[in-house]
N, C-alpha and C. Protein backbone atom coordinates (compact mmCIF):
# COMPACT_ATOMS: atom_id res chain seq x y z
N MET A 1 0.85 -1.18 0.00
CA MET A 1 0.00 0.00 0.00
C MET A 1 0.89 1.24 0.00
N ALA A 2 0.40 2.28 -0.62
CA ALA A 2 1.13 3.54 -0.69
C ALA A 2 0.77 4.41 0.51
N ARG A 3 1.72 5.27 0.87
CA ARG A 3 1.50 6.22 1.97
C ARG A 3 1.16 7.59 1.39
N TYR A 4 0.30 8.28 2.11
CA TYR A 4 -0.13 9.62 1.71
C TYR A 4 -0.04 10.56 2.91
N LEU A 5 0.29 11.80 2.61
CA LEU A 5 0.31 12.87 3.60
C LEU A 5 -0.91 13.73 3.35
N TYR A 6 -1.71 13.93 4.38
CA TYR A 6 -2.88 14.80 4.31
C TYR A 6 -2.63 15.98 5.25
N GLN A 7 -2.77 17.18 4.72
CA GLN A 7 -2.59 18.39 5.52
C GLN A 7 -3.87 19.21 5.39
N GLY A 8 -4.46 19.56 6.52
CA GLY A 8 -5.75 20.23 6.47
C GLY A 8 -5.79 21.51 7.29
N ARG A 9 -6.69 22.37 6.87
CA ARG A 9 -6.92 23.63 7.55
C ARG A 9 -8.42 23.81 7.73
N TYR A 10 -8.83 24.01 8.98
CA TYR A 10 -10.24 24.23 9.29
C TYR A 10 -10.64 25.67 9.02
N ASN A 11 -11.87 25.87 8.57
CA ASN A 11 -12.40 27.23 8.50
C ASN A 11 -13.06 27.54 9.85
N ASP A 12 -13.75 28.66 9.95
CA ASP A 12 -14.35 29.07 11.23
C ASP A 12 -15.30 28.01 11.79
N ASP A 13 -16.14 27.44 10.91
CA ASP A 13 -17.09 26.42 11.37
C ASP A 13 -16.35 25.17 11.85
N GLY A 14 -15.30 24.78 11.15
CA GLY A 14 -14.50 23.64 11.57
C GLY A 14 -13.85 23.85 12.92
N CYS A 15 -13.34 25.07 13.14
CA CYS A 15 -12.72 25.39 14.43
C CYS A 15 -13.76 25.35 15.55
N ARG A 16 -14.97 25.83 15.27
CA ARG A 16 -16.03 25.75 16.28
C ARG A 16 -16.34 24.29 16.61
N GLY A 17 -16.31 23.42 15.60
CA GLY A 17 -16.53 21.99 15.83
C GLY A 17 -15.46 21.37 16.71
N ILE A 18 -14.20 21.77 16.49
CA ILE A 18 -13.11 21.26 17.32
C ILE A 18 -13.28 21.74 18.76
N VAL A 19 -13.66 23.00 18.94
CA VAL A 19 -13.88 23.52 20.29
C VAL A 19 -15.01 22.74 20.96
N ALA A 20 -16.06 22.42 20.22
CA ALA A 20 -17.21 21.72 20.79
C ALA A 20 -16.91 20.26 21.15
N GLU A 21 -16.14 19.55 20.29
CA GLU A 21 -15.95 18.12 20.55
C GLU A 21 -14.53 17.73 20.88
N GLY A 22 -13.58 18.62 20.69
CA GLY A 22 -12.17 18.30 20.95
C GLY A 22 -11.53 17.58 19.77
N GLY A 23 -10.25 17.32 19.91
CA GLY A 23 -9.50 16.69 18.84
C GLY A 23 -9.66 15.19 18.77
N SER A 24 -9.91 14.54 19.89
CA SER A 24 -10.01 13.07 19.90
C SER A 24 -11.19 12.58 19.08
N GLY A 25 -12.26 13.32 19.05
CA GLY A 25 -13.42 12.94 18.25
C GLY A 25 -13.11 12.97 16.76
N ARG A 26 -12.37 13.97 16.34
CA ARG A 26 -11.97 14.06 14.93
C ARG A 26 -11.04 12.93 14.56
N GLU A 27 -10.10 12.63 15.45
CA GLU A 27 -9.16 11.54 15.18
C GLU A 27 -9.91 10.21 15.04
N ALA A 28 -10.81 9.92 15.96
CA ALA A 28 -11.56 8.66 15.93
C ALA A 28 -12.39 8.55 14.65
N GLU A 29 -13.07 9.62 14.27
CA GLU A 29 -13.89 9.63 13.06
C GLU A 29 -13.01 9.40 11.83
N THR A 30 -11.86 10.03 11.80
CA THR A 30 -10.94 9.90 10.67
C THR A 30 -10.39 8.49 10.57
N ARG A 31 -9.94 7.94 11.69
CA ARG A 31 -9.39 6.57 11.68
C ARG A 31 -10.45 5.57 11.21
N GLU A 32 -11.69 5.76 11.64
CA GLU A 32 -12.77 4.86 11.24
C GLU A 32 -13.02 4.94 9.74
N LEU A 33 -13.04 6.15 9.19
CA LEU A 33 -13.27 6.31 7.75
C LEU A 33 -12.16 5.63 6.95
N PHE A 34 -10.90 5.88 7.31
CA PHE A 34 -9.79 5.28 6.60
C PHE A 34 -9.86 3.75 6.67
N ALA A 35 -10.20 3.21 7.84
CA ALA A 35 -10.31 1.76 8.00
C ALA A 35 -11.42 1.18 7.13
N ARG A 36 -12.55 1.87 7.05
CA ARG A 36 -13.66 1.39 6.19
C ARG A 36 -13.24 1.34 4.73
N LEU A 37 -12.27 2.18 4.36
CA LEU A 37 -11.79 2.21 2.97
C LEU A 37 -10.63 1.24 2.73
N GLY A 38 -10.25 0.48 3.76
CA GLY A 38 -9.16 -0.46 3.62
C GLY A 38 -7.79 0.14 3.88
N GLY A 39 -7.78 1.34 4.44
CA GLY A 39 -6.52 2.01 4.76
C GLY A 39 -6.26 2.01 6.25
N GLU A 40 -5.16 2.67 6.62
CA GLU A 40 -4.81 2.76 8.04
C GLU A 40 -4.10 4.08 8.30
N VAL A 41 -4.58 4.81 9.28
CA VAL A 41 -3.93 6.05 9.71
C VAL A 41 -2.73 5.67 10.58
N GLU A 42 -1.55 6.06 10.17
CA GLU A 42 -0.34 5.83 10.96
C GLU A 42 -0.14 6.95 11.98
N THR A 43 -0.37 8.18 11.54
CA THR A 43 -0.13 9.35 12.39
C THR A 43 -1.26 10.34 12.20
N TYR A 44 -1.76 10.86 13.29
CA TYR A 44 -2.77 11.92 13.26
C TYR A 44 -2.35 12.95 14.31
N LEU A 45 -1.94 14.10 13.84
CA LEU A 45 -1.46 15.16 14.74
C LEU A 45 -2.10 16.49 14.40
N PHE A 46 -2.36 17.27 15.42
CA PHE A 46 -2.78 18.65 15.18
C PHE A 46 -1.53 19.51 15.08
N ALA A 47 -1.61 20.58 14.33
CA ALA A 47 -0.47 21.44 14.07
C ALA A 47 -0.80 22.87 14.49
N VAL A 48 0.22 23.57 14.96
CA VAL A 48 0.07 24.98 15.30
C VAL A 48 0.97 25.75 14.35
N GLY A 49 0.38 26.54 13.52
CA GLY A 49 1.17 27.29 12.54
C GLY A 49 0.25 27.95 11.54
N PRO A 50 0.83 28.68 10.63
CA PRO A 50 0.00 29.46 9.70
C PRO A 50 -0.62 28.65 8.57
N ASP A 51 -0.10 27.46 8.27
CA ASP A 51 -0.54 26.76 7.07
C ASP A 51 -1.53 25.63 7.30
N PHE A 52 -1.33 24.83 8.36
CA PHE A 52 -2.16 23.65 8.55
C PHE A 52 -2.57 23.49 10.00
N ASP A 53 -3.78 22.95 10.20
CA ASP A 53 -4.29 22.67 11.54
C ASP A 53 -4.11 21.20 11.94
N PHE A 54 -3.94 20.32 10.95
CA PHE A 54 -3.69 18.92 11.25
C PHE A 54 -2.88 18.28 10.13
N VAL A 55 -2.21 17.18 10.50
CA VAL A 55 -1.41 16.40 9.57
C VAL A 55 -1.73 14.93 9.81
N ILE A 56 -1.95 14.21 8.73
CA ILE A 56 -2.23 12.78 8.80
C ILE A 56 -1.29 12.07 7.83
N ILE A 57 -0.70 10.97 8.28
CA ILE A 57 0.03 10.07 7.39
C ILE A 57 -0.72 8.75 7.43
N ALA A 58 -1.10 8.27 6.24
CA ALA A 58 -1.90 7.05 6.18
C ALA A 58 -1.47 6.18 5.01
N GLU A 59 -1.67 4.88 5.19
CA GLU A 59 -1.50 3.94 4.09
C GLU A 59 -2.87 3.71 3.47
N MET A 60 -2.90 3.76 2.14
CA MET A 60 -4.15 3.54 1.43
C MET A 60 -3.91 2.55 0.30
N PRO A 61 -4.95 1.78 -0.07
CA PRO A 61 -4.79 0.73 -1.08
C PRO A 61 -4.41 1.25 -2.47
N ASP A 62 -4.91 2.43 -2.84
CA ASP A 62 -4.62 2.98 -4.16
C ASP A 62 -4.96 4.46 -4.17
N THR A 63 -4.60 5.13 -5.25
CA THR A 63 -4.78 6.58 -5.35
C THR A 63 -6.25 6.97 -5.37
N VAL A 64 -7.07 6.22 -6.06
CA VAL A 64 -8.49 6.55 -6.12
C VAL A 64 -9.10 6.50 -4.72
N THR A 65 -8.76 5.48 -3.96
CA THR A 65 -9.26 5.37 -2.58
C THR A 65 -8.67 6.46 -1.71
N ALA A 66 -7.42 6.84 -1.97
CA ALA A 66 -6.74 7.85 -1.15
C ALA A 66 -7.39 9.22 -1.23
N ILE A 67 -8.10 9.51 -2.33
CA ILE A 67 -8.72 10.83 -2.43
C ILE A 67 -10.12 10.89 -1.82
N VAL A 68 -10.65 9.74 -1.42
CA VAL A 68 -12.00 9.72 -0.83
C VAL A 68 -12.06 10.51 0.48
N PRO A 69 -11.15 10.28 1.46
CA PRO A 69 -11.27 11.04 2.71
C PRO A 69 -11.19 12.56 2.54
N PRO A 70 -10.22 13.09 1.78
CA PRO A 70 -10.21 14.55 1.63
C PRO A 70 -11.41 15.06 0.84
N LEU A 71 -11.90 14.27 -0.10
CA LEU A 71 -13.09 14.66 -0.86
C LEU A 71 -14.29 14.78 0.07
N MET A 72 -14.47 13.77 0.93
CA MET A 72 -15.59 13.78 1.86
C MET A 72 -15.44 14.90 2.88
N ALA A 73 -14.22 15.09 3.41
CA ALA A 73 -14.00 16.13 4.41
C ALA A 73 -14.24 17.51 3.81
N SER A 74 -13.72 17.74 2.61
CA SER A 74 -13.91 19.05 1.96
C SER A 74 -15.37 19.31 1.64
N ALA A 75 -16.11 18.25 1.32
CA ALA A 75 -17.53 18.39 1.01
C ALA A 75 -18.35 18.87 2.20
N THR A 76 -17.82 18.71 3.43
CA THR A 76 -18.55 19.21 4.60
C THR A 76 -18.52 20.73 4.67
N GLY A 77 -17.59 21.35 3.94
CA GLY A 77 -17.48 22.81 3.96
C GLY A 77 -16.77 23.36 5.18
N THR A 78 -16.15 22.50 5.98
CA THR A 78 -15.50 22.96 7.21
C THR A 78 -13.98 22.87 7.17
N VAL A 79 -13.44 22.27 6.10
CA VAL A 79 -12.00 22.03 6.07
C VAL A 79 -11.52 21.98 4.62
N ASP A 80 -10.27 22.36 4.43
CA ASP A 80 -9.61 22.24 3.14
C ASP A 80 -8.44 21.29 3.34
N VAL A 81 -8.32 20.26 2.51
CA VAL A 81 -7.29 19.23 2.69
C VAL A 81 -6.44 19.13 1.44
N ARG A 82 -5.12 19.06 1.65
CA ARG A 82 -4.17 18.79 0.57
C ARG A 82 -3.65 17.37 0.75
N THR A 83 -3.49 16.65 -0.36
CA THR A 83 -3.03 15.27 -0.32
C THR A 83 -1.75 15.14 -1.13
N THR A 84 -0.76 14.46 -0.55
CA THR A 84 0.53 14.26 -1.20
C THR A 84 0.91 12.79 -1.12
N LEU A 85 1.26 12.20 -2.26
CA LEU A 85 1.78 10.83 -2.28
C LEU A 85 3.19 10.85 -1.71
N LEU A 86 3.47 9.94 -0.78
CA LEU A 86 4.80 9.83 -0.18
C LEU A 86 5.51 8.61 -0.77
N LEU A 87 6.82 8.73 -0.98
CA LEU A 87 7.62 7.66 -1.56
C LEU A 87 8.72 7.25 -0.60
N THR A 88 9.04 5.96 -0.58
CA THR A 88 10.17 5.48 0.20
C THR A 88 11.45 5.75 -0.58
N PRO A 89 12.60 5.73 0.10
CA PRO A 89 13.86 5.86 -0.63
C PRO A 89 14.02 4.79 -1.72
N ALA A 90 13.56 3.56 -1.46
CA ALA A 90 13.65 2.49 -2.45
C ALA A 90 12.82 2.81 -3.69
N GLU A 91 11.65 3.42 -3.49
CA GLU A 91 10.83 3.79 -4.64
C GLU A 91 11.49 4.89 -5.46
N VAL A 92 12.14 5.83 -4.80
CA VAL A 92 12.88 6.87 -5.52
C VAL A 92 14.07 6.25 -6.25
N ASP A 93 14.73 5.27 -5.62
CA ASP A 93 15.82 4.56 -6.30
C ASP A 93 15.32 3.92 -7.59
N ALA A 94 14.17 3.28 -7.54
CA ALA A 94 13.61 2.63 -8.72
C ALA A 94 13.28 3.65 -9.81
N ALA A 95 12.73 4.79 -9.40
CA ALA A 95 12.43 5.85 -10.37
C ALA A 95 13.71 6.38 -11.00
N ALA A 96 14.75 6.57 -10.19
CA ALA A 96 16.03 7.05 -10.70
C ALA A 96 16.61 6.04 -11.69
N GLU A 97 16.49 4.76 -11.37
CA GLU A 97 16.98 3.71 -12.28
C GLU A 97 16.25 3.78 -13.61
N ASN A 98 14.94 3.99 -13.57
CA ASN A 98 14.16 4.10 -14.80
C ASN A 98 14.53 5.34 -15.61
N ALA A 99 14.99 6.39 -14.93
CA ALA A 99 15.33 7.64 -15.61
C ALA A 99 16.72 7.60 -16.26
N ARG A 100 17.59 6.74 -15.75
CA ARG A 100 18.95 6.66 -16.29
C ARG A 100 18.92 6.27 -17.76
N GLY A 101 19.70 7.01 -18.55
CA GLY A 101 19.79 6.72 -19.97
C GLY A 101 18.73 7.40 -20.82
N LEU A 102 17.74 8.01 -20.18
CA LEU A 102 16.73 8.75 -20.92
C LEU A 102 17.18 10.20 -21.09
N SER A 103 16.68 10.85 -22.10
CA SER A 103 16.98 12.27 -22.28
C SER A 103 15.67 13.04 -22.37
N PHE A 104 15.75 14.31 -22.04
CA PHE A 104 14.57 15.18 -22.07
C PHE A 104 15.05 16.58 -22.38
N ARG A 105 14.54 17.17 -23.44
CA ARG A 105 14.94 18.50 -23.85
C ARG A 105 14.34 19.54 -22.91
N ALA A 106 15.19 20.42 -22.40
CA ALA A 106 14.71 21.49 -21.53
C ALA A 106 13.86 22.48 -22.34
N ALA A 107 12.88 23.04 -21.70
CA ALA A 107 12.01 24.03 -22.37
C ALA A 107 12.86 25.19 -22.89
N GLY A 108 12.59 25.61 -24.09
CA GLY A 108 13.27 26.76 -24.66
C GLY A 108 14.64 26.47 -25.25
N THR A 109 15.06 25.20 -25.25
CA THR A 109 16.39 24.90 -25.83
C THR A 109 16.27 24.03 -27.06
């Protein structure tokens, strides 16, 4: 299974929801959703900073399934989620091996 990084930011309504129910409720709901989709949340953390309010690292069966949680969360209108595919060093090694010997003309040259 592939790993994905989910970074989210709550809007005002989302923040009011966190104040009302706390962070543990969000974590439990999220873990349950990922499990129903055949995935597993490895890490669920809240963040303090200008860009994101939470960070999730999860294993998901495939890319199509991986976009279901952020799609559903964003559809609530309370959060905006960014999703990033994460690669292991071995996967990058394999990509580098595939790139060796290939050429690609730079734009404008």
